[in-house]
Amino acid sequence: MTPHLRPLSDSIWAWLHDDTGWGWSNCGVIVSEGAGLLVDTQFTLAATEELLAAIRGAFPDVEISTVVNSHQNGDHTWGNQLLPEAEIVTSAASASHLCQEMNPAQLTALCRAGSASPVSAYAAKNFGHFDFAGVEVRPATRTFTGREEVKVGTTLVELLDLGPGHSAGDVAVHVPEEGVLFAGDAIFSAMHMVVWSGSLNECVRSCQAILDTGAKVIVPGHGPVLDRSGVTGFRDYLTRVGYSASRHATAGIPLAEAAQRIYVEHGRDWAHPERLFTATAAAYRDAGVSGVPEGTYALVEGMATLAA
């Protein structure tokens, strides 16, 4: 199925993908009294154009004046330039992480390198079908810390600075009156999580912070919409992975071997079990193990090796 807008309430819609592959991210649209707020954009200009065309078709009289970026990964931000008049909002921690992100030219070059290395082969397999031509990274125009309220027409929207988790700075967008929350990549659904921040404990804490809002409908950054039990299940899965990894760390098992064991123990039926390398590495860092790989390239290398 192609991506589609799904109504969550009279004023909230989710842009959802059925594809579990890397790069196909969910977005959110909040509309009220002719005003509109967009949660995240897409990986490519073409994908973002498709999203914006669907919004125009559904809400011809609504102007998107605000975009909230849940974090700085390209699959949530590289369409920002197509809304040149909109204010781009994210947390201060998220904005500061932009300098650590691989840019479109670098990712394109890595994919074109193909089988030159395990990393380039993995990148080509998962990202080589995307066309990043013309993408100019547009950063946030305003940042916040902690919590901030935004009015979209008459609808109150809470922006929640979750801190590090999936990325160095994650943001959730909560509409209290409707009980709907857009979690960005603090939550994944039907697929394993990538942990770029280096702390699995913080990922678990972010899940709990989302549950503490009382939201009943949670839109993850990737995968199907969840209810509270789905988020609880995801939190508990991360907790189990962390417990297993901590035991391996205490036993002195090398990270690569521990990741293989975690892969077997917790791979389940979700997509991309190789991402468990990043969760294992984050748990090892939480346990105080030295020399744990960090940074995009090193973590992708670990995933590529585990996938092979």
Protein backbone atom coordinates (compact mmCIF):
# COMPACT_ATOMS: atom_id res chain seq x y z
CA MET A 1 0.00 0.00 0.00
CA THR A 2 1.21 3.52 -0.78
CA PRO A 3 1.59 6.01 2.10
CA HIS A 4 -1.69 7.47 3.20
CA LEU A 5 -3.33 9.96 5.57
CA ARG A 6 -5.21 8.28 8.39
CA PRO A 7 -7.59 10.33 10.56
CA LEU A 8 -6.98 9.99 14.29
CA SER A 9 -9.54 12.64 15.33
CA ASP A 10 -11.41 15.55 13.75
CA SER A 11 -8.22 17.64 13.82
CA ILE A 12 -5.36 15.12 13.73
CA TRP A 13 -4.11 12.95 10.90
CA ALA A 14 -1.15 10.62 10.54
CA TRP A 15 0.85 10.04 7.36
CA LEU A 16 1.67 6.34 7.53
CA HIS A 17 3.85 3.92 5.60
CA ASP A 18 3.27 0.19 5.46
CA ASP A 19 6.86 -0.44 4.35
CA THR A 20 9.15 -1.48 7.23
CA GLY A 21 12.31 -0.58 5.31
CA TRP A 22 14.77 2.06 6.43
CA GLY A 23 13.77 5.63 5.57
CA TRP A 24 9.98 5.32 5.35
CA SER A 25 8.90 7.51 8.26
CA ASN A 26 5.55 8.54 9.66
CA CYS A 27 4.44 12.17 9.93
CA GLY A 28 1.57 13.99 11.63
CA VAL A 29 -0.79 16.81 10.66
CA ILE A 30 -2.71 18.90 13.21
CA VAL A 31 -5.28 21.33 11.78
CA SER A 32 -7.61 23.84 13.41
CA GLU A 33 -9.30 27.05 12.27
CA GLY A 34 -7.31 27.17 9.02
CA ALA A 35 -3.95 26.72 10.78
CA GLY A 36 -1.76 23.66 10.40
CA LEU A 37 1.21 22.06 12.15
CA LEU A 38 3.25 19.31 10.51
CA VAL A 39 5.20 16.78 12.54
CA ASP A 40 8.32 15.91 10.51
CA THR A 41 8.90 15.81 6.76
CA GLN A 42 10.17 12.98 4.57
CA PHE A 43 13.51 11.59 3.39
CA THR A 44 13.39 12.93 -0.16
CA LEU A 45 11.86 15.90 -1.93
CA ALA A 46 9.60 13.64 -3.99
CA ALA A 47 8.27 11.86 -0.88
CA THR A 48 7.68 15.20 0.84
CA GLU A 49 5.88 16.55 -2.23
CA GLU A 50 3.59 13.51 -2.08
CA LEU A 51 2.88 14.22 1.59
CA LEU A 52 2.19 17.92 1.00
CA ALA A 53 -0.06 17.14 -1.99
CA ALA A 54 -2.12 14.81 0.20
CA ILE A 55 -2.42 17.52 2.86
CA ARG A 56 -3.51 20.11 0.28
CA GLY A 57 -6.09 17.69 -1.07
CA ALA A 58 -7.52 16.95 2.37
CA PHE A 59 -7.26 20.50 3.75
CA PRO A 60 -7.27 22.97 0.83
CA ASP A 61 -7.77 26.00 3.09
CA VAL A 62 -5.11 25.10 5.68
CA GLU A 63 -1.68 26.71 5.77
CA ILE A 64 1.17 24.75 7.36
CA SER A 65 2.92 27.49 9.32
CA THR A 66 4.85 25.29 11.76
CA VAL A 67 6.93 22.15 11.34
CA VAL A 68 8.12 20.26 14.41
CA ASN A 69 11.11 18.00 13.80
CA SER A 70 11.14 15.10 16.24
CA HIS A 71 14.91 14.75 15.72
CA GLN A 72 17.54 15.43 13.07
CA ASN A 73 17.72 12.16 11.09
CA GLY A 74 17.28 12.84 7.39
CA ASP A 75 14.21 10.66 7.01
CA HIS A 76 12.39 13.12 9.29
CA THR A 77 13.88 16.42 8.10
CA TRP A 78 15.21 16.40 4.54
CA GLY A 79 11.93 17.71 3.15
CA ASN A 80 12.00 20.84 5.35
CA GLN A 81 13.10 23.06 2.46
CA LEU A 82 9.72 22.57 0.74
CA LEU A 83 8.09 24.65 3.49
CA PRO A 84 10.28 27.77 3.23
CA GLU A 85 7.82 30.05 5.03
CA ALA A 86 7.18 27.70 7.94
CA GLU A 87 8.83 27.97 11.33
CA ILE A 88 10.90 24.83 12.01
CA VAL A 89 10.90 23.90 15.69
CA THR A 90 12.86 21.25 17.58
CA SER A 91 14.58 20.85 20.92
CA ALA A 92 17.94 22.50 21.58
CA ALA A 93 19.50 19.05 22.08
CA SER A 94 18.10 17.88 18.75
CA ALA A 95 19.36 20.97 16.90
CA SER A 96 22.86 20.59 18.33
CA HIS A 97 23.04 17.05 16.94
CA LEU A 98 22.66 18.23 13.35
CA CYS A 99 26.42 18.59 12.89
CA GLN A 100 26.83 14.87 13.60
CA GLU A 101 24.38 13.78 10.90
CA MET A 102 25.48 12.36 7.55
CA ASN A 103 24.39 14.81 4.86
CA PRO A 104 22.63 13.84 1.58
CA ALA A 105 25.84 14.00 -0.50
CA GLN A 106 27.71 11.78 1.97
CA LEU A 107 24.93 9.20 2.11
CA THR A 108 24.67 9.17 -1.69
CA ALA A 109 28.42 8.65 -2.03
CA LEU A 110 28.36 5.85 0.54
CA CYS A 111 25.55 4.06 -1.31
CA ARG A 112 27.40 4.40 -4.63
CA ALA A 113 30.47 2.74 -3.12
CA GLY A 114 28.45 -0.48 -3.07
CA SER A 115 30.46 -3.52 -2.00
CA ALA A 116 33.61 -1.52 -1.22
CA SER A 117 33.01 -2.18 2.49
CA PRO A 118 30.42 -3.84 4.72
CA VAL A 119 29.09 -0.38 5.62
CA SER A 120 28.71 0.81 2.03
CA ALA A 121 27.11 -2.50 1.02
CA TYR A 122 24.62 -2.20 3.88
CA ALA A 123 23.92 1.43 2.98
CA ALA A 124 23.42 0.58 -0.70
CA LYS A 125 20.99 -2.21 0.17
CA ASN A 126 18.88 -0.08 2.52
CA PHE A 127 19.22 3.44 1.09
CA GLY A 128 20.38 3.03 -2.51
CA HIS A 129 16.85 3.27 -3.91
CA PHE A 130 16.31 6.79 -2.51
CA ASP A 131 17.05 9.85 -4.66
CA PHE A 132 18.41 12.72 -2.60
CA ALA A 133 18.92 15.04 -5.57
CA GLY A 134 18.23 18.66 -4.73
CA VAL A 135 18.00 18.15 -0.97
CA GLU A 136 19.33 21.11 1.00
CA VAL A 137 19.27 20.51 4.72
CA ARG A 138 17.17 23.19 6.40
CA PRO A 139 17.80 23.33 10.17
CA ALA A 140 15.44 24.48 12.88
CA THR A 141 14.60 28.16 13.06
CA ARG A 142 13.61 27.94 16.74
CA THR A 143 14.48 25.61 19.61
CA PHE A 144 13.12 24.93 23.08
CA THR A 145 14.01 22.95 26.18
CA GLY A 146 11.78 21.02 28.55
CA ARG A 147 8.20 21.61 27.49
CA GLU A 148 6.52 24.19 25.29
CA GLU A 149 2.90 24.87 24.37
CA VAL A 150 1.86 25.83 20.84
CA LYS A 151 -1.60 26.82 19.69
CA VAL A 152 -2.78 25.53 16.30
CA GLY A 153 -5.97 27.46 15.78
CA THR A 154 -7.87 26.61 18.95
CA THR A 155 -6.03 23.32 19.55
CA LEU A 156 -3.39 23.18 22.28
CA VAL A 157 -0.28 21.21 21.36
CA GLU A 158 2.47 20.25 23.82
CA LEU A 159 6.04 19.87 22.59
CA LEU A 160 7.98 17.58 24.93
CA ASP A 161 11.77 17.54 25.04
CA LEU A 162 12.46 13.87 25.78
CA GLY A 163 16.23 14.28 25.77
CA PRO A 164 18.56 11.55 24.46
CA GLY A 165 17.13 8.19 23.44
CA HIS A 166 16.95 7.16 19.82
CA SER A 167 18.97 10.28 18.97
CA ALA A 168 20.86 12.84 21.04
CA GLY A 169 17.64 14.83 21.38
CA ASP A 170 14.13 13.46 20.79
CA VAL A 171 10.88 15.46 20.71
CA ALA A 172 7.31 14.22 21.18
CA VAL A 173 4.23 16.15 20.01
CA HIS A 174 1.20 15.68 22.27
CA VAL A 175 -2.38 16.88 21.81
CA PRO A 176 -3.83 16.44 25.33
CA GLU A 177 -7.47 17.11 24.44
CA GLU A 178 -7.43 14.33 21.87
CA GLY A 179 -5.15 11.89 23.70
CA VAL A 180 -2.88 11.62 20.64
CA LEU A 181 0.93 11.74 20.70
CA PHE A 182 3.47 11.68 17.87
CA ALA A 183 6.55 9.98 19.31
CA GLY A 184 9.05 10.29 16.49
CA ASP A 185 11.71 7.60 16.77
CA ALA A 186 11.45 7.40 20.55
CA ILE A 187 9.05 4.57 19.62
CA PHE A 188 9.25 2.04 16.79
CA SER A 189 6.45 -0.34 15.85
CA ALA A 190 6.87 -3.80 14.25
CA MET A 191 10.60 -3.20 13.93
CA HIS A 192 13.65 -2.98 16.13
CA MET A 193 14.94 0.34 17.39
CA VAL A 194 18.14 2.09 16.36
CA VAL A 195 19.91 3.62 19.35
CA TRP A 196 22.20 6.42 18.20
CA SER A 197 22.39 8.21 21.59
CA GLY A 198 24.53 5.63 23.38
CA SER A 199 22.10 4.92 26.25
CA LEU A 200 19.45 2.23 26.30
CA ASN A 201 18.38 3.36 29.76
CA GLU A 202 17.39 6.73 28.28
CA CYS A 203 15.33 4.99 25.58
CA VAL A 204 13.37 3.17 28.30
CA ARG A 205 12.95 6.44 30.20
CA SER A 206 11.57 8.14 27.07
CA CYS A 207 9.00 5.36 26.64
CA GLN A 208 7.87 5.88 30.22
CA ALA A 209 7.71 9.67 29.74
CA ILE A 210 5.40 9.10 26.77
CA LEU A 211 3.18 6.78 28.83
CA ASP A 212 3.13 9.35 31.63
CA THR A 213 1.39 11.86 29.34
CA GLY A 214 -1.70 9.66 29.42
CA ALA A 215 -1.92 9.61 25.61
CA LYS A 216 -4.06 6.76 24.29
CA VAL A 217 -3.05 6.87 20.61
CA ILE A 218 0.68 6.92 19.89
CA VAL A 219 2.11 7.37 16.41
CA PRO A 220 5.66 5.95 16.24
CA GLY A 221 8.31 7.29 13.92
CA HIS A 222 8.05 4.08 11.90
CA GLY A 223 5.42 1.38 11.75
CA PRO A 224 1.75 1.01 12.69
CA VAL A 225 -0.05 3.24 15.20
CA LEU A 226 0.05 1.94 18.78
CA ASP A 227 -2.15 2.10 21.84
CA ARG A 228 -0.81 2.32 25.39
CA SER A 229 -0.32 -1.43 25.65
CA GLY A 230 1.81 -1.33 22.51
CA VAL A 231 4.09 1.32 24.02
CA THR A 232 4.27 -0.62 27.28
CA GLY A 233 5.27 -3.70 25.30
CA PHE A 234 7.96 -1.76 23.46
CA ARG A 235 9.30 -0.31 26.73
CA ASP A 236 9.40 -3.78 28.28
CA TYR A 237 11.18 -5.21 25.24
CA LEU A 238 13.90 -2.55 25.59
CA THR A 239 14.13 -3.34 29.30
CA ARG A 240 14.61 -7.05 28.59
CA VAL A 241 17.29 -6.34 26.00
CA GLY A 242 19.06 -4.08 28.47
CA TYR A 243 18.92 -6.70 31.21
CA SER A 244 20.37 -9.40 28.95
CA ALA A 245 23.08 -7.11 27.62
CA SER A 246 24.02 -5.98 31.13
CA ARG A 247 24.46 -9.61 32.19
CA HIS A 248 26.73 -10.22 29.21
CA ALA A 249 28.72 -7.07 30.02
CA THR A 250 29.14 -8.13 33.66
CA ALA A 251 30.34 -11.55 32.49
CA GLY A 252 33.00 -9.88 30.35
CA ILE A 253 31.59 -11.12 27.04
CA PRO A 254 32.95 -9.07 24.11
CA LEU A 255 30.41 -6.72 22.56
CA ALA A 256 30.32 -8.43 19.15
CA GLU A 257 29.60 -11.81 20.75
CA ALA A 258 27.02 -10.29 23.08
CA ALA A 259 25.24 -8.68 20.13
CA GLN A 260 25.04 -12.06 18.42
CA ARG A 261 23.53 -13.57 21.56
CA ILE A 262 21.05 -10.72 21.89
CA TYR A 263 20.14 -11.19 18.22
CA VAL A 264 19.23 -14.82 18.96
CA GLU A 265 17.52 -14.05 22.28
CA HIS A 266 15.48 -11.04 21.23
CA GLY A 267 15.37 -10.93 17.43
CA ARG A 268 11.72 -11.97 17.39
CA ASP A 269 9.69 -11.43 14.23
CA TRP A 270 10.27 -7.69 13.99
CA ALA A 271 12.07 -6.13 11.06
CA HIS A 272 15.79 -5.29 11.20
CA PRO A 273 17.01 -7.41 14.11
CA GLU A 274 20.57 -6.32 13.24
CA ARG A 275 19.68 -3.02 14.91
CA LEU A 276 20.02 -4.90 18.19
CA PHE A 277 23.74 -4.23 17.83
CA THR A 278 23.07 -0.56 18.62
CA ALA A 279 20.90 -1.48 21.61
CA THR A 280 23.57 -3.86 22.92
CA ALA A 281 26.29 -1.26 22.47
CA ALA A 282 24.15 1.31 24.30
CA ALA A 283 23.55 -1.11 27.19
CA TYR A 284 27.29 -1.82 27.37
CA ARG A 285 27.93 1.92 27.58
CA ASP A 286 25.30 2.22 30.33
CA ALA A 287 27.15 -0.57 32.17
CA GLY A 288 30.38 1.41 32.04
CA VAL A 289 32.20 -0.78 29.51
CA SER A 290 35.01 1.15 27.82
CA GLY A 291 35.77 1.20 24.12
CA VAL A 292 32.17 0.82 22.99
CA PRO A 293 31.73 1.98 19.38
CA GLU A 294 29.98 5.31 18.95
CA GLY A 295 29.10 7.52 16.02
CA THR A 296 27.07 6.74 12.92
CA TYR A 297 29.72 4.90 10.91
CA ALA A 298 30.84 2.60 13.74
CA LEU A 299 27.28 1.69 14.68
CA VAL A 300 26.28 1.02 11.07
CA GLU A 301 29.38 -1.15 10.73
CA GLY A 302 28.21 -3.17 13.74
CA MET A 303 24.73 -3.56 12.26
CA ALA A 304 26.13 -4.55 8.87
CA THR A 305 28.35 -7.18 10.45
CA LEU A 306 25.49 -8.61 12.50
CA ALA A 307 23.20 -8.64 9.47
CA ALA A 308 25.78 -10.62 7.53
